[in-house]
Amino acid sequence: MENGFGNGFLLPAGPLREPKKRLKNVDFVMQSTLKPMAFIHLKTQQKQPLDYFQGQTCHAVAGIGKPSKFFSTLTDLDIHLICHPFKDHHAFVAQDLNFKETHPILMTA
C-alpha cells in the first residue's frame, strides 16, 4: 500500500497499531481516510472497489478502540459480517484468523 504506513513506526512514534509483518496473515485490508476508498489485496496489492464484497459474507476483524465503527462501515457497504472484535492493540497471532468458514477476511490496517 503506498502511503498507507506513514513513517512505518508503531504508536506513539508513528501511525501503526500493528507491525507491517502482521499483514501477511490477512486477505484484505480496507484503505480509508475519512471515508473508505478501496479494498487492497495484501498479497497482490490489487485494489478492489468498495462494492467488491457487496452482498457477500466476510469475516471482519478489528483490534481497534471502537471496532463497531469499522463494522458499521462494512455493513453500510452491504457486506454481511461475521464480526471478530479484539481488544485495542491486540497482538494478533495466526490462530486468531483461523475460522471454520472460508469467507474473505477484512481487517483494519
N, C-alpha and C. Protein backbone atom coordinates (compact mmCIF):
# COMPACT_ATOMS: atom_id res chain seq x y z
N MET A 1 0.86 -1.18 0.00
CA MET A 1 0.00 0.00 0.00
C MET A 1 0.89 1.23 0.00
N GLU A 2 0.76 2.04 -1.00
CA GLU A 2 1.53 3.25 -0.99
C GLU A 2 0.93 4.25 -0.02
N ASN A 3 1.79 4.93 0.73
CA ASN A 3 1.38 5.95 1.70
C ASN A 3 0.46 5.43 2.79
N GLY A 4 0.33 4.15 2.94
CA GLY A 4 -0.57 3.61 3.95
C GLY A 4 0.09 3.33 5.28
N PHE A 5 1.40 3.53 5.37
CA PHE A 5 2.12 3.17 6.58
C PHE A 5 2.76 4.37 7.28
N GLY A 6 2.54 5.56 6.79
CA GLY A 6 3.13 6.74 7.41
C GLY A 6 4.64 6.58 7.48
N ASN A 7 5.21 6.79 8.66
CA ASN A 7 6.67 6.64 8.81
C ASN A 7 7.08 5.20 9.11
N GLY A 8 6.11 4.29 9.20
CA GLY A 8 6.40 2.88 9.42
C GLY A 8 6.57 2.48 10.87
N PHE A 9 6.46 3.44 11.79
CA PHE A 9 6.64 3.15 13.22
C PHE A 9 5.30 2.88 13.89
N LEU A 10 5.36 2.12 14.98
CA LEU A 10 4.18 1.85 15.80
C LEU A 10 3.88 3.04 16.69
N LEU A 11 2.63 3.12 17.15
CA LEU A 11 2.25 4.15 18.12
C LEU A 11 3.17 4.07 19.33
N PRO A 12 3.56 5.10 19.97
CA PRO A 12 3.21 6.50 19.75
C PRO A 12 4.14 7.21 18.77
N ALA A 13 5.19 6.52 18.29
CA ALA A 13 6.16 7.16 17.40
C ALA A 13 5.63 7.31 15.97
N GLY A 14 4.63 6.53 15.61
CA GLY A 14 4.07 6.57 14.26
C GLY A 14 2.60 6.20 14.27
N PRO A 15 2.01 6.03 13.09
CA PRO A 15 0.57 5.79 13.00
C PRO A 15 0.15 4.33 13.09
N LEU A 16 1.09 3.40 13.07
CA LEU A 16 0.72 1.99 13.00
C LEU A 16 0.36 1.42 14.37
N ARG A 17 -0.68 0.60 14.37
CA ARG A 17 -1.10 -0.10 15.58
C ARG A 17 -0.48 -1.49 15.66
N GLU A 18 -0.10 -2.02 14.52
CA GLU A 18 0.48 -3.35 14.42
C GLU A 18 1.71 -3.28 13.51
N PRO A 19 2.67 -4.18 13.69
CA PRO A 19 3.81 -4.22 12.77
C PRO A 19 3.34 -4.60 11.36
N LYS A 20 4.03 -4.11 10.35
CA LYS A 20 3.65 -4.42 8.97
C LYS A 20 3.67 -5.93 8.70
N LYS A 21 4.52 -6.67 9.39
CA LYS A 21 4.61 -8.12 9.16
C LYS A 21 3.30 -8.83 9.47
N ARG A 22 2.43 -8.22 10.29
CA ARG A 22 1.13 -8.80 10.61
C ARG A 22 0.24 -8.92 9.38
N LEU A 23 0.50 -8.12 8.38
CA LEU A 23 -0.35 -8.09 7.19
C LEU A 23 -0.30 -9.39 6.40
N LYS A 24 0.74 -10.21 6.60
CA LYS A 24 0.83 -11.46 5.85
C LYS A 24 -0.22 -12.48 6.29
N ASN A 25 -0.91 -12.22 7.40
CA ASN A 25 -1.89 -13.16 7.93
C ASN A 25 -3.33 -12.81 7.59
N VAL A 26 -3.57 -11.77 6.80
CA VAL A 26 -4.94 -11.40 6.44
C VAL A 26 -5.05 -11.36 4.92
N ASP A 27 -6.28 -11.43 4.42
CA ASP A 27 -6.50 -11.43 2.99
C ASP A 27 -6.61 -10.01 2.42
N PHE A 28 -7.37 -9.16 3.09
CA PHE A 28 -7.60 -7.80 2.62
C PHE A 28 -7.58 -6.85 3.80
N VAL A 29 -7.24 -5.61 3.55
CA VAL A 29 -7.45 -4.51 4.50
C VAL A 29 -8.27 -3.46 3.76
N MET A 30 -8.98 -2.64 4.50
CA MET A 30 -9.72 -1.57 3.88
C MET A 30 -8.89 -0.31 3.96
N GLN A 31 -8.58 0.27 2.80
CA GLN A 31 -7.84 1.52 2.76
C GLN A 31 -8.85 2.64 2.93
N SER A 32 -8.60 3.52 3.88
CA SER A 32 -9.55 4.60 4.10
C SER A 32 -8.84 5.83 4.64
N THR A 33 -9.53 6.93 4.50
CA THR A 33 -9.11 8.17 5.14
C THR A 33 -10.27 8.53 6.05
N LEU A 34 -11.00 9.56 5.72
CA LEU A 34 -12.20 9.86 6.49
C LEU A 34 -13.37 9.00 6.05
N LYS A 35 -13.30 8.50 4.83
CA LYS A 35 -14.29 7.55 4.35
C LYS A 35 -13.55 6.49 3.54
N PRO A 36 -14.14 5.31 3.43
CA PRO A 36 -13.46 4.22 2.73
C PRO A 36 -13.14 4.60 1.28
N MET A 37 -12.00 4.08 0.80
CA MET A 37 -11.59 4.36 -0.57
C MET A 37 -11.56 3.09 -1.42
N ALA A 38 -11.01 2.02 -0.88
CA ALA A 38 -10.84 0.79 -1.65
C ALA A 38 -10.45 -0.34 -0.71
N PHE A 39 -10.57 -1.56 -1.22
CA PHE A 39 -10.01 -2.72 -0.55
C PHE A 39 -8.73 -3.06 -1.29
N ILE A 40 -7.70 -3.47 -0.55
CA ILE A 40 -6.42 -3.80 -1.17
C ILE A 40 -6.06 -5.23 -0.77
N HIS A 41 -5.89 -6.08 -1.77
CA HIS A 41 -5.47 -7.46 -1.52
C HIS A 41 -4.01 -7.42 -1.10
N LEU A 42 -3.72 -8.01 0.04
CA LEU A 42 -2.39 -7.85 0.61
C LEU A 42 -1.30 -8.62 -0.12
N LYS A 43 -1.64 -9.71 -0.78
CA LYS A 43 -0.61 -10.46 -1.50
C LYS A 43 -0.31 -9.86 -2.86
N THR A 44 -1.34 -9.35 -3.53
CA THR A 44 -1.16 -8.85 -4.89
C THR A 44 -1.12 -7.33 -4.97
N GLN A 45 -1.52 -6.64 -3.90
CA GLN A 45 -1.64 -5.18 -3.86
C GLN A 45 -2.70 -4.65 -4.82
N GLN A 46 -3.51 -5.55 -5.38
CA GLN A 46 -4.57 -5.14 -6.30
C GLN A 46 -5.69 -4.45 -5.53
N LYS A 47 -6.09 -3.28 -6.01
CA LYS A 47 -7.20 -2.55 -5.38
C LYS A 47 -8.52 -3.05 -5.94
N GLN A 48 -9.50 -3.13 -5.05
CA GLN A 48 -10.85 -3.52 -5.43
C GLN A 48 -11.79 -2.40 -5.03
N PRO A 49 -12.83 -2.16 -5.83
CA PRO A 49 -13.79 -1.10 -5.49
C PRO A 49 -14.58 -1.47 -4.24
N LEU A 50 -15.19 -0.47 -3.65
CA LEU A 50 -15.93 -0.69 -2.40
C LEU A 50 -17.11 -1.63 -2.56
N ASP A 51 -17.62 -1.82 -3.77
CA ASP A 51 -18.74 -2.75 -3.95
C ASP A 51 -18.26 -4.18 -4.23
N TYR A 52 -16.98 -4.42 -4.15
CA TYR A 52 -16.40 -5.73 -4.45
C TYR A 52 -17.00 -6.85 -3.58
N PHE A 53 -17.24 -6.60 -2.32
CA PHE A 53 -17.78 -7.61 -1.40
C PHE A 53 -19.28 -7.44 -1.15
N GLN A 54 -19.92 -6.55 -1.88
CA GLN A 54 -21.34 -6.26 -1.67
C GLN A 54 -22.15 -7.55 -1.78
N GLY A 55 -23.00 -7.78 -0.77
CA GLY A 55 -23.85 -8.95 -0.74
C GLY A 55 -23.17 -10.23 -0.29
N GLN A 56 -21.86 -10.18 -0.06
CA GLN A 56 -21.11 -11.37 0.36
C GLN A 56 -20.98 -11.42 1.88
N THR A 57 -20.70 -12.61 2.37
CA THR A 57 -20.38 -12.79 3.78
C THR A 57 -18.87 -12.77 3.93
N CYS A 58 -18.40 -11.97 4.89
CA CYS A 58 -16.96 -11.84 5.14
C CYS A 58 -16.70 -11.84 6.64
N HIS A 59 -15.52 -12.28 7.02
CA HIS A 59 -15.06 -12.11 8.39
C HIS A 59 -14.54 -10.69 8.53
N ALA A 60 -14.96 -10.00 9.56
CA ALA A 60 -14.49 -8.64 9.83
C ALA A 60 -13.71 -8.69 11.14
N VAL A 61 -12.42 -8.39 11.06
CA VAL A 61 -11.51 -8.49 12.20
C VAL A 61 -11.01 -7.09 12.54
N ALA A 62 -11.15 -6.72 13.81
CA ALA A 62 -10.70 -5.39 14.23
C ALA A 62 -10.10 -5.46 15.63
N GLY A 63 -8.91 -4.90 15.76
CA GLY A 63 -8.26 -4.76 17.06
C GLY A 63 -8.03 -3.29 17.34
N ILE A 64 -9.12 -2.54 17.31
CA ILE A 64 -9.06 -1.09 17.49
C ILE A 64 -9.97 -0.68 18.64
N GLY A 65 -9.85 0.56 19.06
CA GLY A 65 -10.60 1.06 20.20
C GLY A 65 -12.11 0.96 20.04
N LYS A 66 -12.61 1.25 18.85
CA LYS A 66 -14.05 1.19 18.59
C LYS A 66 -14.30 0.34 17.35
N PRO A 67 -14.24 -0.98 17.49
CA PRO A 67 -14.43 -1.84 16.33
C PRO A 67 -15.81 -1.68 15.69
N SER A 68 -16.78 -1.23 16.46
CA SER A 68 -18.13 -1.07 15.92
C SER A 68 -18.15 -0.07 14.76
N LYS A 69 -17.26 0.91 14.77
CA LYS A 69 -17.20 1.88 13.66
C LYS A 69 -16.75 1.18 12.38
N PHE A 70 -15.76 0.33 12.48
CA PHE A 70 -15.29 -0.44 11.32
C PHE A 70 -16.39 -1.36 10.82
N PHE A 71 -17.04 -2.07 11.76
CA PHE A 71 -18.10 -2.99 11.38
C PHE A 71 -19.27 -2.24 10.73
N SER A 72 -19.60 -1.07 11.24
CA SER A 72 -20.68 -0.27 10.66
C SER A 72 -20.34 0.18 9.24
N THR A 73 -19.09 0.55 9.03
CA THR A 73 -18.66 0.95 7.69
C THR A 73 -18.85 -0.19 6.70
N LEU A 74 -18.47 -1.39 7.10
CA LEU A 74 -18.62 -2.55 6.22
C LEU A 74 -20.09 -2.88 6.00
N THR A 75 -20.89 -2.78 7.05
CA THR A 75 -22.33 -3.04 6.92
C THR A 75 -22.96 -2.02 5.98
N ASP A 76 -22.54 -0.78 6.07
CA ASP A 76 -23.04 0.26 5.17
C ASP A 76 -22.70 -0.05 3.71
N LEU A 77 -21.66 -0.84 3.49
CA LEU A 77 -21.28 -1.25 2.14
C LEU A 77 -22.02 -2.52 1.71
N ASP A 78 -23.03 -2.91 2.49
CA ASP A 78 -23.86 -4.10 2.22
C ASP A 78 -23.04 -5.39 2.22
N ILE A 79 -22.11 -5.47 3.17
CA ILE A 79 -21.33 -6.69 3.37
C ILE A 79 -21.91 -7.39 4.60
N HIS A 80 -22.19 -8.68 4.46
CA HIS A 80 -22.71 -9.47 5.57
C HIS A 80 -21.51 -9.92 6.42
N LEU A 81 -21.55 -9.59 7.69
CA LEU A 81 -20.37 -9.76 8.53
C LEU A 81 -20.48 -10.88 9.55
N ILE A 82 -19.36 -11.53 9.75
CA ILE A 82 -19.11 -12.35 10.93
C ILE A 82 -18.05 -11.55 11.68
N CYS A 83 -18.45 -10.89 12.74
CA CYS A 83 -17.58 -9.93 13.43
C CYS A 83 -16.66 -10.62 14.44
N HIS A 84 -15.44 -10.18 14.44
CA HIS A 84 -14.43 -10.69 15.37
C HIS A 84 -13.72 -9.49 16.00
N PRO A 85 -14.33 -8.90 17.04
CA PRO A 85 -13.67 -7.78 17.71
C PRO A 85 -12.60 -8.28 18.68
N PHE A 86 -11.49 -7.59 18.70
CA PHE A 86 -10.41 -7.87 19.63
C PHE A 86 -10.11 -6.58 20.40
N LYS A 87 -9.40 -6.73 21.50
CA LYS A 87 -9.02 -5.54 22.28
C LYS A 87 -8.15 -4.62 21.44
N ASP A 88 -8.19 -3.35 21.79
CA ASP A 88 -7.35 -2.36 21.13
C ASP A 88 -5.88 -2.79 21.25
N HIS A 89 -5.16 -2.72 20.14
CA HIS A 89 -3.74 -3.09 20.08
C HIS A 89 -3.50 -4.57 20.35
N HIS A 90 -4.49 -5.40 20.08
CA HIS A 90 -4.33 -6.84 20.27
C HIS A 90 -3.11 -7.34 19.49
N ALA A 91 -2.31 -8.17 20.11
CA ALA A 91 -1.14 -8.77 19.45
C ALA A 91 -1.61 -10.03 18.72
N PHE A 92 -2.05 -9.86 17.48
CA PHE A 92 -2.61 -10.97 16.73
C PHE A 92 -1.58 -12.05 16.47
N VAL A 93 -2.07 -13.28 16.46
CA VAL A 93 -1.29 -14.44 16.04
C VAL A 93 -2.11 -15.14 14.96
N ALA A 94 -1.47 -15.99 14.19
CA ALA A 94 -2.15 -16.65 13.07
C ALA A 94 -3.42 -17.37 13.52
N GLN A 95 -3.41 -17.97 14.69
CA GLN A 95 -4.57 -18.71 15.19
C GLN A 95 -5.80 -17.81 15.33
N ASP A 96 -5.60 -16.51 15.57
CA ASP A 96 -6.73 -15.58 15.69
C ASP A 96 -7.54 -15.50 14.40
N LEU A 97 -6.92 -15.85 13.29
CA LEU A 97 -7.57 -15.72 11.99
C LEU A 97 -7.94 -17.06 11.37
N ASN A 98 -7.89 -18.12 12.15
CA ASN A 98 -8.31 -19.44 11.67
C ASN A 98 -9.79 -19.61 11.96
N PHE A 99 -10.61 -19.44 10.93
CA PHE A 99 -12.05 -19.53 11.08
C PHE A 99 -12.56 -20.77 10.37
N LYS A 100 -13.65 -21.35 10.88
CA LYS A 100 -14.24 -22.54 10.26
C LYS A 100 -14.71 -22.22 8.84
N GLU A 101 -15.36 -21.08 8.69
CA GLU A 101 -15.89 -20.69 7.40
C GLU A 101 -14.76 -20.06 6.57
N THR A 102 -14.74 -20.34 5.29
CA THR A 102 -13.67 -19.84 4.43
C THR A 102 -14.08 -18.58 3.68
N HIS A 103 -14.68 -17.65 4.37
CA HIS A 103 -15.05 -16.37 3.78
C HIS A 103 -13.82 -15.46 3.77
N PRO A 104 -13.82 -14.44 2.89
CA PRO A 104 -12.72 -13.48 2.92
C PRO A 104 -12.60 -12.82 4.30
N ILE A 105 -11.38 -12.44 4.65
CA ILE A 105 -11.11 -11.76 5.92
C ILE A 105 -10.83 -10.29 5.61
N LEU A 106 -11.61 -9.41 6.20
CA LEU A 106 -11.41 -7.97 6.08
C LEU A 106 -10.92 -7.47 7.42
N MET A 107 -9.88 -6.65 7.40
CA MET A 107 -9.25 -6.24 8.65
C MET A 107 -8.79 -4.80 8.55
N THR A 108 -8.83 -4.12 9.67
CA THR A 108 -8.30 -2.76 9.72
C THR A 108 -6.78 -2.82 9.56
N ALA A 109 -6.22 -1.76 9.00
CA ALA A 109 -4.77 -1.72 8.80
C ALA A 109 -4.12 -0.98 9.94
